[in-house]
Amino acid sequence: MELRNAGTNAPVVVYGATGHTGRFIVAELLRRGRTPVLCGRDVVKLAEMARHYPGLLCHVAAIDDAAALDTALQGACAVINAAGPFLDTAGPLLDAAIRNGVHYLDTSAEQGAAVHVFDQDARAKAAGVVAMPSVAFYGAFADLLATAAMDDWDGADAIDIAVGLDGWHPTRGTRITGERNRAVRWIVEGGELRPLPDPAPMRDWDFPAPFGTQEAVMLTLSEIVAIARHLRSERVRSYMNLAPLRDLRDPATPPPRVAADERGRSSQRFVLDVRVERGGRVRRATAQGFDIYAVTAPLIVEALDRVLSGEVTKAGASAAGEAFDAVGFLRALAPEHFVLTLAVETDASELATSRVPVADGLQLSLE
């Protein structure tokens, strides 16, 4: 079916608008001249947020109230789901989007939730809408970097991803999802999705400065199923350094740090390092920036803008790297939101001594 809502300036419903990530998304939509509709489950928090945004529509809708969801989505061009756990919210919100003929994008890091959205491809096509899960720091970001690094290769021997964080102050939603999401995690081995080994393997990862070489553990999130959907690789694995996991597992770790700049970003520093290997050659793509929650907003709003502008011509479920020109997408957001380094191809034997240069301009004012 022909794609609906292309070229429209109709409102965008943000479900979970009052959450930490949702607030960044609302601000990014406004910054780009779009009209968000504030939507969620907590009437008190919605009323408080609405006072800060006079003139914006506001809807209270429980996730199990189909009629309320339909009312919220009437007249909208898309819904952005920023409310976890997505094992609860992705299904009902995607159903509502399909019923109402609006595009669906979410910020899930949960592999199971992403797979559920991909499995609704036929229904999304029939409705003429795009369904795109995991358009966030975890998920689409690594997928786009891997797709950019793959470039003209039609397949790879291995795709390895590493997340480096200088710390992690988790939101309440992150903590709840971690407590409830006990599903088997997947990696790609032999070109197929297979369970993550238990115990998870450890390795040293040579991160770019200022992180340097750190011990990392295999930790797989929604980027695995996104990449497996459209890139051919014998192996796909992802890792995270240990410092943020210690923060995450400590119940005394407070919520996200206070804002350190005018956009509300914290001073949390991240690096996302992706290596694609084929026949002894390695291509590397790296992004560095601040605040994993804040950077999700430009990623998902850029994706929505590209859907609405007509860059995506076919309805259905897709991963970000599958739907968009990955290099063009990333460069559209750099260096304003992160510093991008698309490294030259190197020999795999040289990787142990190679370094991705620290890009100029990566600064966050703490004044």
Protein backbone atom coordinates (compact mmCIF):
# COMPACT_ATOMS: atom_id res chain seq x y z
CA MET A 1 0.00 0.00 0.00
CA GLU A 2 1.11 3.57 -0.66
CA LEU A 3 2.79 5.26 2.29
CA ARG A 4 0.45 7.52 4.22
CA ASN A 5 1.15 10.93 5.77
CA ALA A 6 4.15 11.81 3.57
CA GLY A 7 4.80 15.54 3.54
CA THR A 8 2.38 16.26 6.35
CA ASN A 9 2.85 18.73 9.18
CA ALA A 10 0.21 17.05 11.33
CA PRO A 11 0.93 16.67 15.05
CA VAL A 12 3.15 13.91 16.45
CA VAL A 13 1.92 12.06 19.54
CA VAL A 14 4.69 11.43 22.10
CA TYR A 15 3.61 8.61 24.37
CA GLY A 16 5.64 8.83 27.57
CA ALA A 17 6.09 12.56 27.06
CA THR A 18 6.63 13.21 30.76
CA GLY A 19 9.48 10.71 31.06
CA HIS A 20 13.16 11.64 30.97
CA THR A 21 13.66 10.67 27.30
CA GLY A 22 10.18 11.82 26.32
CA ARG A 23 10.93 15.36 27.46
CA PHE A 24 13.99 15.49 25.21
CA ILE A 25 11.88 14.25 22.30
CA VAL A 26 9.18 16.88 22.87
CA ALA A 27 11.83 19.61 22.95
CA GLU A 28 13.47 18.31 19.76
CA LEU A 29 10.16 18.20 17.90
CA LEU A 30 9.46 21.81 18.89
CA ARG A 31 12.98 22.85 17.90
CA ARG A 32 12.35 21.44 14.43
CA GLY A 33 9.01 23.18 14.06
CA ARG A 34 6.80 20.15 14.63
CA THR A 35 3.80 20.00 16.98
CA PRO A 36 3.98 17.34 19.68
CA VAL A 37 0.92 16.00 21.45
CA LEU A 38 1.69 15.14 25.08
CA CYS A 39 0.41 11.70 25.97
CA GLY A 40 0.89 9.20 28.76
CA ARG A 41 -0.53 7.37 31.74
CA ASP A 42 -0.01 9.83 34.60
CA VAL A 43 -2.57 12.63 34.68
CA VAL A 44 -0.68 14.63 37.33
CA LYS A 45 2.63 14.59 35.46
CA LEU A 46 0.91 15.41 32.18
CA ALA A 47 -0.91 18.38 33.70
CA GLU A 48 2.35 19.67 35.16
CA MET A 49 4.16 19.32 31.83
CA ALA A 50 1.31 20.95 29.93
CA ARG A 51 1.71 24.08 32.06
CA HIS A 52 5.21 24.46 30.64
CA TYR A 53 3.92 24.04 27.07
CA PRO A 54 0.75 26.14 26.78
CA GLY A 55 -1.13 25.47 23.59
CA LEU A 56 -0.08 21.85 23.18
CA LEU A 57 -2.74 19.17 23.27
CA CYS A 58 -2.56 16.71 26.13
CA HIS A 59 -4.13 13.23 26.38
CA VAL A 60 -4.24 10.77 29.25
CA ALA A 61 -4.33 7.22 27.91
CA ALA A 62 -3.62 3.99 29.73
CA ILE A 63 -1.85 1.43 27.60
CA ASP A 64 -4.80 -0.99 27.92
CA ASP A 65 -7.40 1.64 26.98
CA ALA A 66 -7.76 1.27 23.22
CA ALA A 67 -10.43 3.95 22.95
CA ALA A 68 -8.27 6.53 24.75
CA LEU A 69 -5.30 5.67 22.55
CA ASP A 70 -7.45 6.07 19.43
CA THR A 71 -8.63 9.48 20.64
CA ALA A 72 -5.04 10.60 21.24
CA LEU A 73 -3.91 9.48 17.77
CA GLN A 74 -6.76 11.09 15.83
CA GLY A 75 -5.40 13.68 13.40
CA ALA A 76 -1.76 12.76 14.09
CA CYS A 77 0.78 11.71 11.49
CA ALA A 78 2.85 9.53 13.83
CA VAL A 79 3.28 8.28 17.36
CA ILE A 80 6.65 8.11 19.10
CA ASN A 81 6.62 5.60 21.92
CA ALA A 82 9.10 6.58 24.66
CA ALA A 83 7.39 4.70 27.47
CA GLY A 84 8.92 1.51 28.77
CA PRO A 85 8.92 -1.27 29.55
CA PHE A 86 8.26 -1.82 25.86
CA LEU A 87 7.23 -5.40 26.46
CA ASP A 88 4.09 -3.70 27.85
CA THR A 89 3.69 -0.71 25.55
CA ALA A 90 4.97 -1.64 22.08
CA GLY A 91 2.15 -4.02 21.18
CA PRO A 92 -0.84 -1.88 22.18
CA LEU A 93 0.63 1.33 20.78
CA LEU A 94 1.59 -0.26 17.48
CA ASP A 95 -1.91 -1.75 17.24
CA ALA A 96 -3.35 1.72 17.80
CA ALA A 97 -1.02 3.23 15.18
CA ILE A 98 -2.09 0.64 12.62
CA ARG A 99 -5.79 1.15 13.41
CA ASN A 100 -5.44 4.89 12.96
CA GLY A 101 -3.07 4.90 9.99
CA VAL A 102 -0.18 6.71 11.69
CA HIS A 103 3.51 5.87 11.68
CA TYR A 104 5.02 4.18 14.72
CA LEU A 105 8.54 4.69 16.07
CA ASP A 106 9.87 3.72 19.49
CA THR A 107 12.99 3.96 21.66
CA SER A 108 13.11 0.39 22.91
CA ALA A 109 16.38 -1.35 23.77
CA GLU A 110 14.49 -4.62 24.35
CA GLN A 111 15.18 -7.27 21.73
CA GLY A 112 11.81 -8.96 22.19
CA ALA A 113 9.88 -5.72 21.73
CA ALA A 114 11.85 -4.92 18.56
CA VAL A 115 11.19 -8.37 17.13
CA HIS A 116 7.47 -7.95 17.84
CA VAL A 117 7.41 -4.72 15.81
CA PHE A 118 9.31 -6.33 12.93
CA ASP A 119 6.84 -9.23 12.99
CA GLN A 120 4.00 -6.78 12.27
CA ASP A 121 5.43 -5.94 8.84
CA ALA A 122 2.44 -7.22 6.87
CA ARG A 123 -0.06 -5.34 9.04
CA ALA A 124 1.95 -2.10 8.78
CA LYS A 125 2.16 -2.47 5.00
CA ALA A 126 -1.59 -3.01 4.75
CA ALA A 127 -2.15 0.15 6.80
CA GLY A 128 0.32 2.18 4.72
CA VAL A 129 2.48 3.11 7.71
CA VAL A 130 6.10 2.73 8.78
CA ALA A 131 6.80 0.75 11.96
CA MET A 132 10.34 1.33 13.23
CA PRO A 133 11.51 0.08 16.64
CA SER A 134 14.57 1.00 18.69
CA VAL A 135 15.37 4.37 17.14
CA ALA A 136 17.58 5.36 20.04
CA PHE A 137 21.08 5.22 21.47
CA TYR A 138 20.60 1.49 21.97
CA GLY A 139 19.42 -0.01 18.70
CA ALA A 140 19.42 2.32 15.70
CA PHE A 141 22.65 4.15 16.53
CA ALA A 142 24.83 1.03 16.27
CA ASP A 143 22.76 -0.21 13.32
CA LEU A 144 23.40 3.01 11.40
CA LEU A 145 27.12 2.95 12.23
CA ALA A 146 27.42 -0.70 11.16
CA THR A 147 25.53 0.01 7.93
CA ALA A 148 27.79 2.99 7.20
CA ALA A 149 30.91 0.92 7.86
CA MET A 150 29.65 -1.97 5.72
CA ASP A 151 29.30 0.45 2.78
CA ASP A 152 29.67 -1.53 -0.46
CA TRP A 153 30.34 -4.91 1.13
CA ASP A 154 27.47 -7.35 0.57
CA GLY A 155 28.34 -9.30 3.69
CA ALA A 156 30.75 -9.49 6.60
CA ASP A 157 32.57 -12.10 8.64
CA ALA A 158 31.89 -10.22 11.87
CA ILE A 159 30.30 -7.06 13.22
CA ASP A 160 31.51 -6.12 16.69
CA ILE A 161 30.00 -3.23 18.66
CA ALA A 162 31.23 -1.71 21.90
CA VAL A 163 29.56 0.87 24.12
CA GLY A 164 31.80 2.87 26.42
CA LEU A 165 30.22 5.04 29.12
CA ASP A 166 32.01 6.98 31.85
CA GLY A 167 29.05 6.15 34.11
CA TRP A 168 25.33 5.49 34.01
CA HIS A 169 22.67 7.20 36.08
CA PRO A 170 19.63 5.14 35.02
CA THR A 171 16.10 6.47 34.75
CA ARG A 172 13.26 4.79 36.62
CA GLY A 173 12.11 3.29 33.32
CA THR A 174 15.54 1.78 32.71
CA ARG A 175 15.51 0.20 36.16
CA ILE A 176 11.99 -1.23 35.77
CA THR A 177 12.83 -2.67 32.36
CA GLY A 178 15.99 -4.27 33.72
CA GLU A 179 14.07 -5.86 36.57
CA ARG A 180 11.32 -7.25 34.34
CA ASN A 181 13.13 -8.13 31.13
CA ARG A 182 14.38 -11.67 31.81
CA ALA A 183 14.07 -12.87 28.22
CA VAL A 184 16.94 -14.73 26.58
CA ARG A 185 19.31 -12.30 24.85
CA TRP A 186 20.51 -13.02 21.34
CA ILE A 187 23.68 -12.69 19.32
CA VAL A 188 24.32 -13.70 15.73
CA GLU A 189 26.47 -16.79 15.19
CA GLY A 190 26.67 -18.65 11.92
CA GLY A 191 24.44 -16.01 10.37
CA GLU A 192 21.56 -16.84 12.72
CA LEU A 193 20.15 -15.48 15.96
CA ARG A 194 21.38 -17.62 18.85
CA PRO A 195 21.28 -17.24 22.63
CA LEU A 196 23.94 -15.15 24.34
CA PRO A 197 26.45 -17.50 26.05
CA ASP A 198 26.09 -17.87 29.81
CA PRO A 199 28.24 -16.64 31.42
CA ALA A 200 28.67 -13.73 29.03
CA PRO A 201 32.20 -13.59 27.56
CA MET A 202 34.62 -10.83 28.56
CA ARG A 203 37.26 -9.10 26.44
CA ASP A 204 39.47 -6.05 26.37
CA TRP A 205 38.26 -3.32 24.01
CA ASP A 206 40.53 -0.61 22.69
CA PHE A 207 38.20 2.39 22.89
CA PRO A 208 39.14 5.79 21.47
CA ALA A 209 40.48 8.37 23.93
CA PRO A 210 39.61 9.37 26.56
CA PHE A 211 38.34 5.86 27.41
CA GLY A 212 41.33 3.81 26.25
CA THR A 213 41.57 0.05 26.69
CA GLN A 214 38.95 -1.29 29.09
CA GLU A 215 37.51 -4.65 30.06
CA ALA A 216 34.09 -5.18 28.50
CA VAL A 217 31.38 -7.80 28.77
CA MET A 218 29.19 -9.12 25.97
CA LEU A 219 25.84 -7.37 26.46
CA THR A 220 23.35 -7.48 23.62
CA LEU A 221 20.39 -5.17 23.13
CA SER A 222 18.07 -4.33 20.25
CA GLU A 223 20.91 -3.42 17.84
CA ILE A 224 21.47 -7.16 17.32
CA VAL A 225 18.02 -7.88 15.89
CA ALA A 226 18.03 -4.62 13.90
CA ILE A 227 21.35 -5.46 12.23
CA ALA A 228 20.41 -9.11 11.68
CA ARG A 229 17.30 -7.97 9.82
CA HIS A 230 19.16 -6.42 6.89
CA LEU A 231 22.96 -6.90 7.08
CA ARG A 232 24.54 -10.27 6.27
CA SER A 233 27.20 -11.21 8.80
CA GLU A 234 28.38 -14.52 10.20
CA ARG A 235 28.75 -13.00 13.66
CA VAL A 236 27.25 -9.96 15.36
CA ARG A 237 28.20 -9.24 18.98
CA SER A 238 28.05 -6.22 21.24
CA TYR A 239 29.89 -5.28 24.43
CA MET A 240 29.84 -2.69 27.20
CA ASN A 241 32.57 -1.52 29.54
CA LEU A 242 32.09 -2.42 33.19
CA ALA A 243 31.89 0.99 34.91
CA PRO A 244 28.31 1.82 33.81
CA LEU A 245 27.11 -1.67 34.68
CA ARG A 246 28.37 -1.25 38.23
CA ASP A 247 26.34 1.98 38.42
CA LEU A 248 23.28 0.26 36.97
CA ARG A 249 23.44 -2.61 39.44
CA ASP A 250 23.88 -0.33 42.44
CA PRO A 251 20.45 0.61 43.83
CA ALA A 252 22.02 3.70 45.40
CA THR A 253 22.98 5.20 42.02
CA PRO A 254 20.80 8.30 41.58
CA PRO A 255 18.74 9.15 38.46
CA PRO A 256 20.32 11.01 35.51
CA ARG A 257 22.69 13.82 36.39
CA VAL A 258 21.57 17.43 36.39
CA ALA A 259 21.66 19.34 33.15
CA ALA A 260 25.08 20.56 32.12
CA ASP A 261 24.12 22.60 29.04
CA GLU A 262 21.26 24.65 27.63
CA ARG A 263 19.61 21.58 26.08
CA GLY A 264 19.45 19.72 29.34
CA ARG A 265 22.14 17.14 28.54
CA SER A 266 24.09 15.65 31.40
CA SER A 267 27.87 15.43 31.38
CA GLN A 268 27.77 11.65 30.91
CA ARG A 269 30.18 10.84 28.11
CA PHE A 270 29.69 8.01 25.61
CA VAL A 271 31.53 6.36 22.77
CA LEU A 272 29.92 3.89 20.38
CA ASP A 273 32.56 1.96 18.45
CA VAL A 274 31.62 -0.39 15.59
CA ARG A 275 33.97 -2.66 13.64
CA VAL A 276 32.99 -4.59 10.53
CA GLU A 277 35.41 -7.30 9.38
CA ARG A 278 35.61 -9.16 6.10
CA GLY A 279 38.44 -11.24 4.69
CA GLY A 280 41.00 -9.86 7.11
CA ARG A 281 40.00 -6.24 6.47
CA VAL A 282 38.30 -4.03 9.07
CA ARG A 283 36.18 -0.92 8.68
CA ARG A 284 35.48 1.15 11.79
CA ALA A 285 32.77 3.73 12.55
CA THR A 286 32.69 5.63 15.83
CA ALA A 287 30.45 8.22 17.48
CA GLN A 288 31.30 10.18 20.63
CA GLY A 289 29.09 12.52 22.58
CA PHE A 290 27.21 13.27 25.79
CA ASP A 291 24.13 11.77 27.46
CA ILE A 292 22.69 8.55 26.02
CA TYR A 293 19.12 9.60 26.82
CA ALA A 294 19.42 13.05 25.26
CA VAL A 295 21.01 11.83 22.00
CA THR A 296 18.01 9.56 21.45
CA ALA A 297 15.83 12.61 20.70
CA PRO A 298 17.65 13.83 17.57
CA LEU A 299 18.02 10.24 16.36
CA ILE A 300 14.30 9.45 16.49
CA VAL A 301 13.09 12.86 15.31
CA GLU A 302 15.54 12.78 12.38
CA ALA A 303 14.12 9.37 11.47
CA LEU A 304 10.57 10.69 11.66
CA ASP A 305 11.44 13.73 9.55
CA ARG A 306 12.92 11.46 6.88
CA VAL A 307 9.84 9.24 6.88
CA LEU A 308 7.54 12.24 6.52
CA SER A 309 9.73 13.86 3.85
CA GLY A 310 9.33 10.83 1.60
CA GLU A 311 12.80 9.32 1.94
CA VAL A 312 11.06 6.09 2.94
CA THR A 313 8.78 5.11 0.06
CA LYS A 314 7.50 1.75 1.26
CA ALA A 315 5.21 1.02 4.16
CA GLY A 316 6.03 -1.74 6.61
CA ALA A 317 8.38 -2.54 9.46
CA SER A 318 12.05 -1.70 9.06
CA ALA A 319 15.24 -1.00 10.94
CA ALA A 320 16.79 2.45 10.69
CA GLY A 321 19.88 1.21 8.84
CA GLU A 322 17.60 -0.62 6.42
CA ALA A 323 15.36 2.37 5.72
CA PHE A 324 17.80 5.27 5.42
CA ASP A 325 21.07 6.32 3.83
CA ALA A 326 23.12 5.62 6.94
CA VAL A 327 26.04 7.93 6.17
CA GLY A 328 23.75 10.81 5.22
CA PHE A 329 21.63 10.26 8.33
CA LEU A 330 24.61 10.29 10.71
CA ARG A 331 26.28 13.26 9.05
CA ALA A 332 23.03 15.23 9.31
CA LEU A 333 23.34 15.00 13.12
CA ALA A 334 27.10 15.47 13.42
CA PRO A 335 28.80 17.37 14.91
CA GLU A 336 25.86 19.13 16.59
CA HIS A 337 24.74 16.04 18.53
CA PHE A 338 27.82 13.80 18.41
CA VAL A 339 31.20 13.60 16.74
CA LEU A 340 31.32 11.05 13.94
CA THR A 341 34.47 9.28 12.76
CA LEU A 342 34.20 7.05 9.71
CA ALA A 343 37.66 5.47 9.84
CA VAL A 344 39.48 4.20 6.78
CA GLU A 345 39.69 0.49 6.07
CA THR A 346 42.59 -1.28 7.80
CA ASP A 347 44.11 -4.72 8.01
CA ALA A 348 42.72 -6.77 10.90
CA SER A 349 46.24 -7.59 12.08
CA GLU A 350 46.88 -3.88 12.61
CA LEU A 351 43.75 -3.32 14.71
CA ALA A 352 45.44 -4.06 18.01
CA THR A 353 47.74 -1.07 17.54
CA SER A 354 45.32 1.25 15.75
CA ARG A 355 43.57 4.20 17.34
CA VAL A 356 40.55 6.17 16.24
CA PRO A 357 41.64 9.82 16.50
CA VAL A 358 39.86 12.10 18.95
CA ALA A 359 37.75 14.34 16.76
CA ASP A 360 37.93 18.09 17.19
CA GLY A 361 35.00 20.01 18.60
CA LEU A 362 33.67 17.50 21.12
CA GLN A 363 32.89 19.85 23.98
CA LEU A 364 30.19 20.29 26.55
CA SER A 365 30.00 23.51 28.49
CA LEU A 366 29.70 22.95 32.21
CA GLU A 367 29.32 26.60 33.07
